[in-house]
Amino acid sequence: RSIYKALIDVDHDVNPSNIEDFIRS
């Protein structure tokens, strides 16, 4: 759930990153 994971996966054709999945309170 880190920004690294979000960035690396953002351009995946299957299940690309959604930033809202990485936001924590």
PDBML (XML) file of the C-alpha atoms, coordinates in Angstrom:
<?xml version="1.0" encoding="UTF-8" ?>
<PDBx:datablock datablockName="MODEL"
   xmlns:PDBx="http://pdbml.pdb.org/schema/pdbx-v50.xsd"
   xmlns:xsi="http://www.w3.org/2001/XMLSchema-instance"
   xsi:schemaLocation="http://pdbml.pdb.org/schema/pdbx-v50.xsd pdbx-v50.xsd">
   <PDBx:atom_siteCategory>
      <PDBx:atom_site id="1">
         <PDBx:B_iso_or_equiv>0.00</PDBx:B_iso_or_equiv>
         <PDBx:Cartn_x>0.000</PDBx:Cartn_x>
         <PDBx:Cartn_y>0.000</PDBx:Cartn_y>
         <PDBx:Cartn_z>0.000</PDBx:Cartn_z>
         <PDBx:auth_asym_id>A</PDBx:auth_asym_id>
         <PDBx:auth_atom_id>CA</PDBx:auth_atom_id>
         <PDBx:auth_comp_id>ARG</PDBx:auth_comp_id>
         <PDBx:auth_seq_id>1</PDBx:auth_seq_id>
         <PDBx:group_PDB>ATOM</PDBx:group_PDB>
         <PDBx:label_alt_id xsi:nil="true" />
         <PDBx:label_asym_id>A</PDBx:label_asym_id>
         <PDBx:label_atom_id>CA</PDBx:label_atom_id>
         <PDBx:label_comp_id>ARG</PDBx:label_comp_id>
         <PDBx:label_entity_id>1</PDBx:label_entity_id>
         <PDBx:label_seq_id>1</PDBx:label_seq_id>
         <PDBx:occupancy>1.00</PDBx:occupancy>
         <PDBx:pdbx_PDB_model_num>1</PDBx:pdbx_PDB_model_num>
         <PDBx:type_symbol>C</PDBx:type_symbol>
      </PDBx:atom_site>
      <PDBx:atom_site id="2">
         <PDBx:B_iso_or_equiv>0.00</PDBx:B_iso_or_equiv>
         <PDBx:Cartn_x>2.928</PDBx:Cartn_x>
         <PDBx:Cartn_y>2.355</PDBx:Cartn_y>
         <PDBx:Cartn_z>-0.602</PDBx:Cartn_z>
         <PDBx:auth_asym_id>A</PDBx:auth_asym_id>
         <PDBx:auth_atom_id>CA</PDBx:auth_atom_id>
         <PDBx:auth_comp_id>SER</PDBx:auth_comp_id>
         <PDBx:auth_seq_id>2</PDBx:auth_seq_id>
         <PDBx:group_PDB>ATOM</PDBx:group_PDB>
         <PDBx:label_alt_id xsi:nil="true" />
         <PDBx:label_asym_id>A</PDBx:label_asym_id>
         <PDBx:label_atom_id>CA</PDBx:label_atom_id>
         <PDBx:label_comp_id>SER</PDBx:label_comp_id>
         <PDBx:label_entity_id>1</PDBx:label_entity_id>
         <PDBx:label_seq_id>2</PDBx:label_seq_id>
         <PDBx:occupancy>1.00</PDBx:occupancy>
         <PDBx:pdbx_PDB_model_num>1</PDBx:pdbx_PDB_model_num>
         <PDBx:type_symbol>C</PDBx:type_symbol>
      </PDBx:atom_site>
      <PDBx:atom_site id="3">
         <PDBx:B_iso_or_equiv>0.00</PDBx:B_iso_or_equiv>
         <PDBx:Cartn_x>3.331</PDBx:Cartn_x>
         <PDBx:Cartn_y>5.113</PDBx:Cartn_y>
         <PDBx:Cartn_z>-3.194</PDBx:Cartn_z>
         <PDBx:auth_asym_id>A</PDBx:auth_asym_id>
         <PDBx:auth_atom_id>CA</PDBx:auth_atom_id>
         <PDBx:auth_comp_id>ILE</PDBx:auth_comp_id>
         <PDBx:auth_seq_id>3</PDBx:auth_seq_id>
         <PDBx:group_PDB>ATOM</PDBx:group_PDB>
         <PDBx:label_alt_id xsi:nil="true" />
         <PDBx:label_asym_id>A</PDBx:label_asym_id>
         <PDBx:label_atom_id>CA</PDBx:label_atom_id>
         <PDBx:label_comp_id>ILE</PDBx:label_comp_id>
         <PDBx:label_entity_id>1</PDBx:label_entity_id>
         <PDBx:label_seq_id>3</PDBx:label_seq_id>
         <PDBx:occupancy>1.00</PDBx:occupancy>
         <PDBx:pdbx_PDB_model_num>1</PDBx:pdbx_PDB_model_num>
         <PDBx:type_symbol>C</PDBx:type_symbol>
      </PDBx:atom_site>
      <PDBx:atom_site id="4">
         <PDBx:B_iso_or_equiv>0.00</PDBx:B_iso_or_equiv>
         <PDBx:Cartn_x>6.036</PDBx:Cartn_x>
         <PDBx:Cartn_y>2.956</PDBx:Cartn_y>
         <PDBx:Cartn_z>-4.789</PDBx:Cartn_z>
         <PDBx:auth_asym_id>A</PDBx:auth_asym_id>
         <PDBx:auth_atom_id>CA</PDBx:auth_atom_id>
         <PDBx:auth_comp_id>TYR</PDBx:auth_comp_id>
         <PDBx:auth_seq_id>4</PDBx:auth_seq_id>
         <PDBx:group_PDB>ATOM</PDBx:group_PDB>
         <PDBx:label_alt_id xsi:nil="true" />
         <PDBx:label_asym_id>A</PDBx:label_asym_id>
         <PDBx:label_atom_id>CA</PDBx:label_atom_id>
         <PDBx:label_comp_id>TYR</PDBx:label_comp_id>
         <PDBx:label_entity_id>1</PDBx:label_entity_id>
         <PDBx:label_seq_id>4</PDBx:label_seq_id>
         <PDBx:occupancy>1.00</PDBx:occupancy>
         <PDBx:pdbx_PDB_model_num>1</PDBx:pdbx_PDB_model_num>
         <PDBx:type_symbol>C</PDBx:type_symbol>
      </PDBx:atom_site>
      <PDBx:atom_site id="5">
         <PDBx:B_iso_or_equiv>0.00</PDBx:B_iso_or_equiv>
         <PDBx:Cartn_x>3.572</PDBx:Cartn_x>
         <PDBx:Cartn_y>0.128</PDBx:Cartn_y>
         <PDBx:Cartn_z>-5.421</PDBx:Cartn_z>
         <PDBx:auth_asym_id>A</PDBx:auth_asym_id>
         <PDBx:auth_atom_id>CA</PDBx:auth_atom_id>
         <PDBx:auth_comp_id>LYS</PDBx:auth_comp_id>
         <PDBx:auth_seq_id>5</PDBx:auth_seq_id>
         <PDBx:group_PDB>ATOM</PDBx:group_PDB>
         <PDBx:label_alt_id xsi:nil="true" />
         <PDBx:label_asym_id>A</PDBx:label_asym_id>
         <PDBx:label_atom_id>CA</PDBx:label_atom_id>
         <PDBx:label_comp_id>LYS</PDBx:label_comp_id>
         <PDBx:label_entity_id>1</PDBx:label_entity_id>
         <PDBx:label_seq_id>5</PDBx:label_seq_id>
         <PDBx:occupancy>1.00</PDBx:occupancy>
         <PDBx:pdbx_PDB_model_num>1</PDBx:pdbx_PDB_model_num>
         <PDBx:type_symbol>C</PDBx:type_symbol>
      </PDBx:atom_site>
      <PDBx:atom_site id="6">
         <PDBx:B_iso_or_equiv>0.00</PDBx:B_iso_or_equiv>
         <PDBx:Cartn_x>0.939</PDBx:Cartn_x>
         <PDBx:Cartn_y>2.551</PDBx:Cartn_y>
         <PDBx:Cartn_z>-6.688</PDBx:Cartn_z>
         <PDBx:auth_asym_id>A</PDBx:auth_asym_id>
         <PDBx:auth_atom_id>CA</PDBx:auth_atom_id>
         <PDBx:auth_comp_id>ALA</PDBx:auth_comp_id>
         <PDBx:auth_seq_id>6</PDBx:auth_seq_id>
         <PDBx:group_PDB>ATOM</PDBx:group_PDB>
         <PDBx:label_alt_id xsi:nil="true" />
         <PDBx:label_asym_id>A</PDBx:label_asym_id>
         <PDBx:label_atom_id>CA</PDBx:label_atom_id>
         <PDBx:label_comp_id>ALA</PDBx:label_comp_id>
         <PDBx:label_entity_id>1</PDBx:label_entity_id>
         <PDBx:label_seq_id>6</PDBx:label_seq_id>
         <PDBx:occupancy>1.00</PDBx:occupancy>
         <PDBx:pdbx_PDB_model_num>1</PDBx:pdbx_PDB_model_num>
         <PDBx:type_symbol>C</PDBx:type_symbol>
      </PDBx:atom_site>
      <PDBx:atom_site id="7">
         <PDBx:B_iso_or_equiv>0.00</PDBx:B_iso_or_equiv>
         <PDBx:Cartn_x>3.345</PDBx:Cartn_x>
         <PDBx:Cartn_y>4.128</PDBx:Cartn_y>
         <PDBx:Cartn_z>-9.192</PDBx:Cartn_z>
         <PDBx:auth_asym_id>A</PDBx:auth_asym_id>
         <PDBx:auth_atom_id>CA</PDBx:auth_atom_id>
         <PDBx:auth_comp_id>LEU</PDBx:auth_comp_id>
         <PDBx:auth_seq_id>7</PDBx:auth_seq_id>
         <PDBx:group_PDB>ATOM</PDBx:group_PDB>
         <PDBx:label_alt_id xsi:nil="true" />
         <PDBx:label_asym_id>A</PDBx:label_asym_id>
         <PDBx:label_atom_id>CA</PDBx:label_atom_id>
         <PDBx:label_comp_id>LEU</PDBx:label_comp_id>
         <PDBx:label_entity_id>1</PDBx:label_entity_id>
         <PDBx:label_seq_id>7</PDBx:label_seq_id>
         <PDBx:occupancy>1.00</PDBx:occupancy>
         <PDBx:pdbx_PDB_model_num>1</PDBx:pdbx_PDB_model_num>
         <PDBx:type_symbol>C</PDBx:type_symbol>
      </PDBx:atom_site>
      <PDBx:atom_site id="8">
         <PDBx:B_iso_or_equiv>0.00</PDBx:B_iso_or_equiv>
         <PDBx:Cartn_x>4.808</PDBx:Cartn_x>
         <PDBx:Cartn_y>0.884</PDBx:Cartn_y>
         <PDBx:Cartn_z>-10.453</PDBx:Cartn_z>
         <PDBx:auth_asym_id>A</PDBx:auth_asym_id>
         <PDBx:auth_atom_id>CA</PDBx:auth_atom_id>
         <PDBx:auth_comp_id>ILE</PDBx:auth_comp_id>
         <PDBx:auth_seq_id>8</PDBx:auth_seq_id>
         <PDBx:group_PDB>ATOM</PDBx:group_PDB>
         <PDBx:label_alt_id xsi:nil="true" />
         <PDBx:label_asym_id>A</PDBx:label_asym_id>
         <PDBx:label_atom_id>CA</PDBx:label_atom_id>
         <PDBx:label_comp_id>ILE</PDBx:label_comp_id>
         <PDBx:label_entity_id>1</PDBx:label_entity_id>
         <PDBx:label_seq_id>8</PDBx:label_seq_id>
         <PDBx:occupancy>1.00</PDBx:occupancy>
         <PDBx:pdbx_PDB_model_num>1</PDBx:pdbx_PDB_model_num>
         <PDBx:type_symbol>C</PDBx:type_symbol>
      </PDBx:atom_site>
      <PDBx:atom_site id="9">
         <PDBx:B_iso_or_equiv>0.00</PDBx:B_iso_or_equiv>
         <PDBx:Cartn_x>1.364</PDBx:Cartn_x>
         <PDBx:Cartn_y>-0.626</PDBx:Cartn_y>
         <PDBx:Cartn_z>-11.090</PDBx:Cartn_z>
         <PDBx:auth_asym_id>A</PDBx:auth_asym_id>
         <PDBx:auth_atom_id>CA</PDBx:auth_atom_id>
         <PDBx:auth_comp_id>ASP</PDBx:auth_comp_id>
         <PDBx:auth_seq_id>9</PDBx:auth_seq_id>
         <PDBx:group_PDB>ATOM</PDBx:group_PDB>
         <PDBx:label_alt_id xsi:nil="true" />
         <PDBx:label_asym_id>A</PDBx:label_asym_id>
         <PDBx:label_atom_id>CA</PDBx:label_atom_id>
         <PDBx:label_comp_id>ASP</PDBx:label_comp_id>
         <PDBx:label_entity_id>1</PDBx:label_entity_id>
         <PDBx:label_seq_id>9</PDBx:label_seq_id>
         <PDBx:occupancy>1.00</PDBx:occupancy>
         <PDBx:pdbx_PDB_model_num>1</PDBx:pdbx_PDB_model_num>
         <PDBx:type_symbol>C</PDBx:type_symbol>
      </PDBx:atom_site>
      <PDBx:atom_site id="10">
         <PDBx:B_iso_or_equiv>0.00</PDBx:B_iso_or_equiv>
         <PDBx:Cartn_x>-0.505</PDBx:Cartn_x>
         <PDBx:Cartn_y>2.443</PDBx:Cartn_y>
         <PDBx:Cartn_z>-12.345</PDBx:Cartn_z>
         <PDBx:auth_asym_id>A</PDBx:auth_asym_id>
         <PDBx:auth_atom_id>CA</PDBx:auth_atom_id>
         <PDBx:auth_comp_id>VAL</PDBx:auth_comp_id>
         <PDBx:auth_seq_id>10</PDBx:auth_seq_id>
         <PDBx:group_PDB>ATOM</PDBx:group_PDB>
         <PDBx:label_alt_id xsi:nil="true" />
         <PDBx:label_asym_id>A</PDBx:label_asym_id>
         <PDBx:label_atom_id>CA</PDBx:label_atom_id>
         <PDBx:label_comp_id>VAL</PDBx:label_comp_id>
         <PDBx:label_entity_id>1</PDBx:label_entity_id>
         <PDBx:label_seq_id>10</PDBx:label_seq_id>
         <PDBx:occupancy>1.00</PDBx:occupancy>
         <PDBx:pdbx_PDB_model_num>1</PDBx:pdbx_PDB_model_num>
         <PDBx:type_symbol>C</PDBx:type_symbol>
      </PDBx:atom_site>
      <PDBx:atom_site id="11">
         <PDBx:B_iso_or_equiv>0.00</PDBx:B_iso_or_equiv>
         <PDBx:Cartn_x>-0.072</PDBx:Cartn_x>
         <PDBx:Cartn_y>1.562</PDBx:Cartn_y>
         <PDBx:Cartn_z>-16.030</PDBx:Cartn_z>
         <PDBx:auth_asym_id>A</PDBx:auth_asym_id>
         <PDBx:auth_atom_id>CA</PDBx:auth_atom_id>
         <PDBx:auth_comp_id>ASP</PDBx:auth_comp_id>
         <PDBx:auth_seq_id>11</PDBx:auth_seq_id>
         <PDBx:group_PDB>ATOM</PDBx:group_PDB>
         <PDBx:label_alt_id xsi:nil="true" />
         <PDBx:label_asym_id>A</PDBx:label_asym_id>
         <PDBx:label_atom_id>CA</PDBx:label_atom_id>
         <PDBx:label_comp_id>ASP</PDBx:label_comp_id>
         <PDBx:label_entity_id>1</PDBx:label_entity_id>
         <PDBx:label_seq_id>11</PDBx:label_seq_id>
         <PDBx:occupancy>1.00</PDBx:occupancy>
         <PDBx:pdbx_PDB_model_num>1</PDBx:pdbx_PDB_model_num>
         <PDBx:type_symbol>C</PDBx:type_symbol>
      </PDBx:atom_site>
      <PDBx:atom_site id="12">
         <PDBx:B_iso_or_equiv>0.00</PDBx:B_iso_or_equiv>
         <PDBx:Cartn_x>-0.987</PDBx:Cartn_x>
         <PDBx:Cartn_y>-2.120</PDBx:Cartn_y>
         <PDBx:Cartn_z>-15.747</PDBx:Cartn_z>
         <PDBx:auth_asym_id>A</PDBx:auth_asym_id>
         <PDBx:auth_atom_id>CA</PDBx:auth_atom_id>
         <PDBx:auth_comp_id>HIS</PDBx:auth_comp_id>
         <PDBx:auth_seq_id>12</PDBx:auth_seq_id>
         <PDBx:group_PDB>ATOM</PDBx:group_PDB>
         <PDBx:label_alt_id xsi:nil="true" />
         <PDBx:label_asym_id>A</PDBx:label_asym_id>
         <PDBx:label_atom_id>CA</PDBx:label_atom_id>
         <PDBx:label_comp_id>HIS</PDBx:label_comp_id>
         <PDBx:label_entity_id>1</PDBx:label_entity_id>
         <PDBx:label_seq_id>12</PDBx:label_seq_id>
         <PDBx:occupancy>1.00</PDBx:occupancy>
         <PDBx:pdbx_PDB_model_num>1</PDBx:pdbx_PDB_model_num>
         <PDBx:type_symbol>C</PDBx:type_symbol>
      </PDBx:atom_site>
      <PDBx:atom_site id="13">
         <PDBx:B_iso_or_equiv>0.00</PDBx:B_iso_or_equiv>
         <PDBx:Cartn_x>-3.610</PDBx:Cartn_x>
         <PDBx:Cartn_y>-3.152</PDBx:Cartn_y>
         <PDBx:Cartn_z>-18.291</PDBx:Cartn_z>
         <PDBx:auth_asym_id>A</PDBx:auth_asym_id>
         <PDBx:auth_atom_id>CA</PDBx:auth_atom_id>
         <PDBx:auth_comp_id>ASP</PDBx:auth_comp_id>
         <PDBx:auth_seq_id>13</PDBx:auth_seq_id>
         <PDBx:group_PDB>ATOM</PDBx:group_PDB>
         <PDBx:label_alt_id xsi:nil="true" />
         <PDBx:label_asym_id>A</PDBx:label_asym_id>
         <PDBx:label_atom_id>CA</PDBx:label_atom_id>
         <PDBx:label_comp_id>ASP</PDBx:label_comp_id>
         <PDBx:label_entity_id>1</PDBx:label_entity_id>
         <PDBx:label_seq_id>13</PDBx:label_seq_id>
         <PDBx:occupancy>1.00</PDBx:occupancy>
         <PDBx:pdbx_PDB_model_num>1</PDBx:pdbx_PDB_model_num>
         <PDBx:type_symbol>C</PDBx:type_symbol>
      </PDBx:atom_site>
      <PDBx:atom_site id="14">
         <PDBx:B_iso_or_equiv>0.00</PDBx:B_iso_or_equiv>
         <PDBx:Cartn_x>-5.157</PDBx:Cartn_x>
         <PDBx:Cartn_y>-5.504</PDBx:Cartn_y>
         <PDBx:Cartn_z>-15.740</PDBx:Cartn_z>
         <PDBx:auth_asym_id>A</PDBx:auth_asym_id>
         <PDBx:auth_atom_id>CA</PDBx:auth_atom_id>
         <PDBx:auth_comp_id>VAL</PDBx:auth_comp_id>
         <PDBx:auth_seq_id>14</PDBx:auth_seq_id>
         <PDBx:group_PDB>ATOM</PDBx:group_PDB>
         <PDBx:label_alt_id xsi:nil="true" />
         <PDBx:label_asym_id>A</PDBx:label_asym_id>
         <PDBx:label_atom_id>CA</PDBx:label_atom_id>
         <PDBx:label_comp_id>VAL</PDBx:label_comp_id>
         <PDBx:label_entity_id>1</PDBx:label_entity_id>
         <PDBx:label_seq_id>14</PDBx:label_seq_id>
         <PDBx:occupancy>1.00</PDBx:occupancy>
         <PDBx:pdbx_PDB_model_num>1</PDBx:pdbx_PDB_model_num>
         <PDBx:type_symbol>C</PDBx:type_symbol>
      </PDBx:atom_site>
      <PDBx:atom_site id="15">
         <PDBx:B_iso_or_equiv>0.00</PDBx:B_iso_or_equiv>
         <PDBx:Cartn_x>-6.124</PDBx:Cartn_x>
         <PDBx:Cartn_y>-3.980</PDBx:Cartn_y>
         <PDBx:Cartn_z>-12.378</PDBx:Cartn_z>
         <PDBx:auth_asym_id>A</PDBx:auth_asym_id>
         <PDBx:auth_atom_id>CA</PDBx:auth_atom_id>
         <PDBx:auth_comp_id>ASN</PDBx:auth_comp_id>
         <PDBx:auth_seq_id>15</PDBx:auth_seq_id>
         <PDBx:group_PDB>ATOM</PDBx:group_PDB>
         <PDBx:label_alt_id xsi:nil="true" />
         <PDBx:label_asym_id>A</PDBx:label_asym_id>
         <PDBx:label_atom_id>CA</PDBx:label_atom_id>
         <PDBx:label_comp_id>ASN</PDBx:label_comp_id>
         <PDBx:label_entity_id>1</PDBx:label_entity_id>
         <PDBx:label_seq_id>15</PDBx:label_seq_id>
         <PDBx:occupancy>1.00</PDBx:occupancy>
         <PDBx:pdbx_PDB_model_num>1</PDBx:pdbx_PDB_model_num>
         <PDBx:type_symbol>C</PDBx:type_symbol>
      </PDBx:atom_site>
      <PDBx:atom_site id="16">
         <PDBx:B_iso_or_equiv>0.00</PDBx:B_iso_or_equiv>
         <PDBx:Cartn_x>-4.195</PDBx:Cartn_x>
         <PDBx:Cartn_y>-0.701</PDBx:Cartn_y>
         <PDBx:Cartn_z>-12.683</PDBx:Cartn_z>
         <PDBx:auth_asym_id>A</PDBx:auth_asym_id>
         <PDBx:auth_atom_id>CA</PDBx:auth_atom_id>
         <PDBx:auth_comp_id>PRO</PDBx:auth_comp_id>
         <PDBx:auth_seq_id>16</PDBx:auth_seq_id>
         <PDBx:group_PDB>ATOM</PDBx:group_PDB>
         <PDBx:label_alt_id xsi:nil="true" />
         <PDBx:label_asym_id>A</PDBx:label_asym_id>
         <PDBx:label_atom_id>CA</PDBx:label_atom_id>
         <PDBx:label_comp_id>PRO</PDBx:label_comp_id>
         <PDBx:label_entity_id>1</PDBx:label_entity_id>
         <PDBx:label_seq_id>16</PDBx:label_seq_id>
         <PDBx:occupancy>1.00</PDBx:occupancy>
         <PDBx:pdbx_PDB_model_num>1</PDBx:pdbx_PDB_model_num>
         <PDBx:type_symbol>C</PDBx:type_symbol>
      </PDBx:atom_site>
      <PDBx:atom_site id="17">
         <PDBx:B_iso_or_equiv>0.00</PDBx:B_iso_or_equiv>
         <PDBx:Cartn_x>-3.543</PDBx:Cartn_x>
         <PDBx:Cartn_y>1.269</PDBx:Cartn_y>
         <PDBx:Cartn_z>-9.495</PDBx:Cartn_z>
         <PDBx:auth_asym_id>A</PDBx:auth_asym_id>
         <PDBx:auth_atom_id>CA</PDBx:auth_atom_id>
         <PDBx:auth_comp_id>SER</PDBx:auth_comp_id>
         <PDBx:auth_seq_id>17</PDBx:auth_seq_id>
         <PDBx:group_PDB>ATOM</PDBx:group_PDB>
         <PDBx:label_alt_id xsi:nil="true" />
         <PDBx:label_asym_id>A</PDBx:label_asym_id>
         <PDBx:label_atom_id>CA</PDBx:label_atom_id>
         <PDBx:label_comp_id>SER</PDBx:label_comp_id>
         <PDBx:label_entity_id>1</PDBx:label_entity_id>
         <PDBx:label_seq_id>17</PDBx:label_seq_id>
         <PDBx:occupancy>1.00</PDBx:occupancy>
         <PDBx:pdbx_PDB_model_num>1</PDBx:pdbx_PDB_model_num>
         <PDBx:type_symbol>C</PDBx:type_symbol>
      </PDBx:atom_site>
      <PDBx:atom_site id="18">
         <PDBx:B_iso_or_equiv>0.00</PDBx:B_iso_or_equiv>
         <PDBx:Cartn_x>-6.329</PDBx:Cartn_x>
         <PDBx:Cartn_y>3.323</PDBx:Cartn_y>
         <PDBx:Cartn_z>-7.995</PDBx:Cartn_z>
         <PDBx:auth_asym_id>A</PDBx:auth_asym_id>
         <PDBx:auth_atom_id>CA</PDBx:auth_atom_id>
         <PDBx:auth_comp_id>ASN</PDBx:auth_comp_id>
         <PDBx:auth_seq_id>18</PDBx:auth_seq_id>
         <PDBx:group_PDB>ATOM</PDBx:group_PDB>
         <PDBx:label_alt_id xsi:nil="true" />
         <PDBx:label_asym_id>A</PDBx:label_asym_id>
         <PDBx:label_atom_id>CA</PDBx:label_atom_id>
         <PDBx:label_comp_id>ASN</PDBx:label_comp_id>
         <PDBx:label_entity_id>1</PDBx:label_entity_id>
         <PDBx:label_seq_id>18</PDBx:label_seq_id>
         <PDBx:occupancy>1.00</PDBx:occupancy>
         <PDBx:pdbx_PDB_model_num>1</PDBx:pdbx_PDB_model_num>
         <PDBx:type_symbol>C</PDBx:type_symbol>
      </PDBx:atom_site>
      <PDBx:atom_site id="19">
         <PDBx:B_iso_or_equiv>0.00</PDBx:B_iso_or_equiv>
         <PDBx:Cartn_x>-4.782</PDBx:Cartn_x>
         <PDBx:Cartn_y>5.892</PDBx:Cartn_y>
         <PDBx:Cartn_z>-5.645</PDBx:Cartn_z>
         <PDBx:auth_asym_id>A</PDBx:auth_asym_id>
         <PDBx:auth_atom_id>CA</PDBx:auth_atom_id>
         <PDBx:auth_comp_id>ILE</PDBx:auth_comp_id>
         <PDBx:auth_seq_id>19</PDBx:auth_seq_id>
         <PDBx:group_PDB>ATOM</PDBx:group_PDB>
         <PDBx:label_alt_id xsi:nil="true" />
         <PDBx:label_asym_id>A</PDBx:label_asym_id>
         <PDBx:label_atom_id>CA</PDBx:label_atom_id>
         <PDBx:label_comp_id>ILE</PDBx:label_comp_id>
         <PDBx:label_entity_id>1</PDBx:label_entity_id>
         <PDBx:label_seq_id>19</PDBx:label_seq_id>
         <PDBx:occupancy>1.00</PDBx:occupancy>
         <PDBx:pdbx_PDB_model_num>1</PDBx:pdbx_PDB_model_num>
         <PDBx:type_symbol>C</PDBx:type_symbol>
      </PDBx:atom_site>
      <PDBx:atom_site id="20">
         <PDBx:B_iso_or_equiv>0.00</PDBx:B_iso_or_equiv>
         <PDBx:Cartn_x>-7.779</PDBx:Cartn_x>
         <PDBx:Cartn_y>5.709</PDBx:Cartn_y>
         <PDBx:Cartn_z>-3.315</PDBx:Cartn_z>
         <PDBx:auth_asym_id>A</PDBx:auth_asym_id>
         <PDBx:auth_atom_id>CA</PDBx:auth_atom_id>
         <PDBx:auth_comp_id>GLU</PDBx:auth_comp_id>
         <PDBx:auth_seq_id>20</PDBx:auth_seq_id>
         <PDBx:group_PDB>ATOM</PDBx:group_PDB>
         <PDBx:label_alt_id xsi:nil="true" />
         <PDBx:label_asym_id>A</PDBx:label_asym_id>
         <PDBx:label_atom_id>CA</PDBx:label_atom_id>
         <PDBx:label_comp_id>GLU</PDBx:label_comp_id>
         <PDBx:label_entity_id>1</PDBx:label_entity_id>
         <PDBx:label_seq_id>20</PDBx:label_seq_id>
         <PDBx:occupancy>1.00</PDBx:occupancy>
         <PDBx:pdbx_PDB_model_num>1</PDBx:pdbx_PDB_model_num>
         <PDBx:type_symbol>C</PDBx:type_symbol>
      </PDBx:atom_site>
      <PDBx:atom_site id="21">
         <PDBx:B_iso_or_equiv>0.00</PDBx:B_iso_or_equiv>
         <PDBx:Cartn_x>-6.774</PDBx:Cartn_x>
         <PDBx:Cartn_y>2.126</PDBx:Cartn_y>
         <PDBx:Cartn_z>-2.458</PDBx:Cartn_z>
         <PDBx:auth_asym_id>A</PDBx:auth_asym_id>
         <PDBx:auth_atom_id>CA</PDBx:auth_atom_id>
         <PDBx:auth_comp_id>ASP</PDBx:auth_comp_id>
         <PDBx:auth_seq_id>21</PDBx:auth_seq_id>
         <PDBx:group_PDB>ATOM</PDBx:group_PDB>
         <PDBx:label_alt_id xsi:nil="true" />
         <PDBx:label_asym_id>A</PDBx:label_asym_id>
         <PDBx:label_atom_id>CA</PDBx:label_atom_id>
         <PDBx:label_comp_id>ASP</PDBx:label_comp_id>
         <PDBx:label_entity_id>1</PDBx:label_entity_id>
         <PDBx:label_seq_id>21</PDBx:label_seq_id>
         <PDBx:occupancy>1.00</PDBx:occupancy>
         <PDBx:pdbx_PDB_model_num>1</PDBx:pdbx_PDB_model_num>
         <PDBx:type_symbol>C</PDBx:type_symbol>
      </PDBx:atom_site>
      <PDBx:atom_site id="22">
         <PDBx:B_iso_or_equiv>0.00</PDBx:B_iso_or_equiv>
         <PDBx:Cartn_x>-3.484</PDBx:Cartn_x>
         <PDBx:Cartn_y>3.455</PDBx:Cartn_y>
         <PDBx:Cartn_z>-1.052</PDBx:Cartn_z>
         <PDBx:auth_asym_id>A</PDBx:auth_asym_id>
         <PDBx:auth_atom_id>CA</PDBx:auth_atom_id>
         <PDBx:auth_comp_id>PHE</PDBx:auth_comp_id>
         <PDBx:auth_seq_id>22</PDBx:auth_seq_id>
         <PDBx:group_PDB>ATOM</PDBx:group_PDB>
         <PDBx:label_alt_id xsi:nil="true" />
         <PDBx:label_asym_id>A</PDBx:label_asym_id>
         <PDBx:label_atom_id>CA</PDBx:label_atom_id>
         <PDBx:label_comp_id>PHE</PDBx:label_comp_id>
         <PDBx:label_entity_id>1</PDBx:label_entity_id>
         <PDBx:label_seq_id>22</PDBx:label_seq_id>
         <PDBx:occupancy>1.00</PDBx:occupancy>
         <PDBx:pdbx_PDB_model_num>1</PDBx:pdbx_PDB_model_num>
         <PDBx:type_symbol>C</PDBx:type_symbol>
      </PDBx:atom_site>
      <PDBx:atom_site id="23">
         <PDBx:B_iso_or_equiv>0.00</PDBx:B_iso_or_equiv>
         <PDBx:Cartn_x>-4.830</PDBx:Cartn_x>
         <PDBx:Cartn_y>6.260</PDBx:Cartn_y>
         <PDBx:Cartn_z>1.129</PDBx:Cartn_z>
         <PDBx:auth_asym_id>A</PDBx:auth_asym_id>
         <PDBx:auth_atom_id>CA</PDBx:auth_atom_id>
         <PDBx:auth_comp_id>ILE</PDBx:auth_comp_id>
         <PDBx:auth_seq_id>23</PDBx:auth_seq_id>
         <PDBx:group_PDB>ATOM</PDBx:group_PDB>
         <PDBx:label_alt_id xsi:nil="true" />
         <PDBx:label_asym_id>A</PDBx:label_asym_id>
         <PDBx:label_atom_id>CA</PDBx:label_atom_id>
         <PDBx:label_comp_id>ILE</PDBx:label_comp_id>
         <PDBx:label_entity_id>1</PDBx:label_entity_id>
         <PDBx:label_seq_id>23</PDBx:label_seq_id>
         <PDBx:occupancy>1.00</PDBx:occupancy>
         <PDBx:pdbx_PDB_model_num>1</PDBx:pdbx_PDB_model_num>
         <PDBx:type_symbol>C</PDBx:type_symbol>
      </PDBx:atom_site>
      <PDBx:atom_site id="24">
         <PDBx:B_iso_or_equiv>0.00</PDBx:B_iso_or_equiv>
         <PDBx:Cartn_x>-4.710</PDBx:Cartn_x>
         <PDBx:Cartn_y>5.759</PDBx:Cartn_y>
         <PDBx:Cartn_z>4.907</PDBx:Cartn_z>
         <PDBx:auth_asym_id>A</PDBx:auth_asym_id>
         <PDBx:auth_atom_id>CA</PDBx:auth_atom_id>
         <PDBx:auth_comp_id>ARG</PDBx:auth_comp_id>
         <PDBx:auth_seq_id>24</PDBx:auth_seq_id>
         <PDBx:group_PDB>ATOM</PDBx:group_PDB>
         <PDBx:label_alt_id xsi:nil="true" />
         <PDBx:label_asym_id>A</PDBx:label_asym_id>
         <PDBx:label_atom_id>CA</PDBx:label_atom_id>
         <PDBx:label_comp_id>ARG</PDBx:label_comp_id>
         <PDBx:label_entity_id>1</PDBx:label_entity_id>
         <PDBx:label_seq_id>24</PDBx:label_seq_id>
         <PDBx:occupancy>1.00</PDBx:occupancy>
         <PDBx:pdbx_PDB_model_num>1</PDBx:pdbx_PDB_model_num>
         <PDBx:type_symbol>C</PDBx:type_symbol>
      </PDBx:atom_site>
      <PDBx:atom_site id="25">
         <PDBx:B_iso_or_equiv>0.00</PDBx:B_iso_or_equiv>
         <PDBx:Cartn_x>-6.181</PDBx:Cartn_x>
         <PDBx:Cartn_y>7.761</PDBx:Cartn_y>
         <PDBx:Cartn_z>7.739</PDBx:Cartn_z>
         <PDBx:auth_asym_id>A</PDBx:auth_asym_id>
         <PDBx:auth_atom_id>CA</PDBx:auth_atom_id>
         <PDBx:auth_comp_id>SER</PDBx:auth_comp_id>
         <PDBx:auth_seq_id>25</PDBx:auth_seq_id>
         <PDBx:group_PDB>ATOM</PDBx:group_PDB>
         <PDBx:label_alt_id xsi:nil="true" />
         <PDBx:label_asym_id>A</PDBx:label_asym_id>
         <PDBx:label_atom_id>CA</PDBx:label_atom_id>
         <PDBx:label_comp_id>SER</PDBx:label_comp_id>
         <PDBx:label_entity_id>1</PDBx:label_entity_id>
         <PDBx:label_seq_id>25</PDBx:label_seq_id>
         <PDBx:occupancy>1.00</PDBx:occupancy>
         <PDBx:pdbx_PDB_model_num>1</PDBx:pdbx_PDB_model_num>
         <PDBx:type_symbol>C</PDBx:type_symbol>
      </PDBx:atom_site>
   </PDBx:atom_siteCategory>
</PDBx:datablock>
